[in-house]
Structure formats: C-alpha cells, structure tokens
C-alpha cells in the first residue's frame, strides 16, 4: 500500500511522534459489521464453546435475548478488525499484543445485529529499540443498543524501523 494514501477513515501514523501527538484522539466509528449465526457457530467450533445461548436458535428464542448471542470473546476477538479499519502504522517492523488491562461486556450482541468499533488513543510510553507501548480503549457498539457490547483497554507494542521518527525528533 502506498504510504501516502489510506482508505477513507483510516488514520496513518508514521512514527513515535505521530503517536505521542495522537494521545487523547478519538477514532471512528467504523463501518457496521453483521453478526451472523455462521460466524458465531464457527467461533463455537474453534473454541469448543457450544453453550446453547450461542448455537441453539430455537432454545435461545425463549431466552431474555430472543435470539442466540455472540460469545463475548468473539466480540473481543474482532478488536483487530475494527482497529485496522481505523488506523495504520507506516514504518513498523513489528507489532504485538502485550495484554488487556480491563475488558467488560455491558450488553449482548444478538445474532442478526450489526456492530461497529471506535477507539481512543490513551497513552504512549517509549520502549527501547525504537518502540512504544500504546494504550487504547476500544468500544464495540451494537446498532440501536443503549450500552456497548464490549469496552476493552488494550496494550500493544510497536517497533519502528531505525530510520523512522522517534520521540526525540531524530531518526
């Protein structure tokens, strides 16, 4: 992908300075993503979590939700999809998930609904070897719901190529 172009709605960060300047920024929302039963079933198969509320539409129709619902961890696993729809890093030689500080699932995601993501850039800490630890809060919303489906504070580490701008303003 050309480093000077990005899809509409995608913010491009070209180095540590860009990330430091972005602390406090809100990104999003993304496009809506349908939560289809096939996705829920595939996740159930992958994780061996076949609880009826996720995979039995007949029984789940009688539940308080009126339908099957997505696994909370399925919703959480979509964070990379939503984040990559909102931001891109140029000059990164490696990025890793470092952990999660806090994850909550305030509302269920019924199958047949649509979800989208938004995020805030909360903190940037310098690391050795031209790296940073980035703290972001990602919120996944359900179309028409009063509460979000998931709110997660994510810690990620990114290591930039040596010729990428550093927080000291030097390559």
Foldseek 3Di string as FASTA:
>chain_A
DPLVDDPPQAAEDEAAQSLQVQAFPKGDWFDKDAQALVLQVVVCVVVVPPPCLNNPQVVVCPPPVNGRWHDLVSVVVCVVVQNRRRYDYPQWPDKDWPDWDDKDFPDTHGHRWIKTKMKGFHDWDDDPQRKIWTWMWMFIDTPPDPHTRMIIITIMMTHGDPCTQHPVRHD
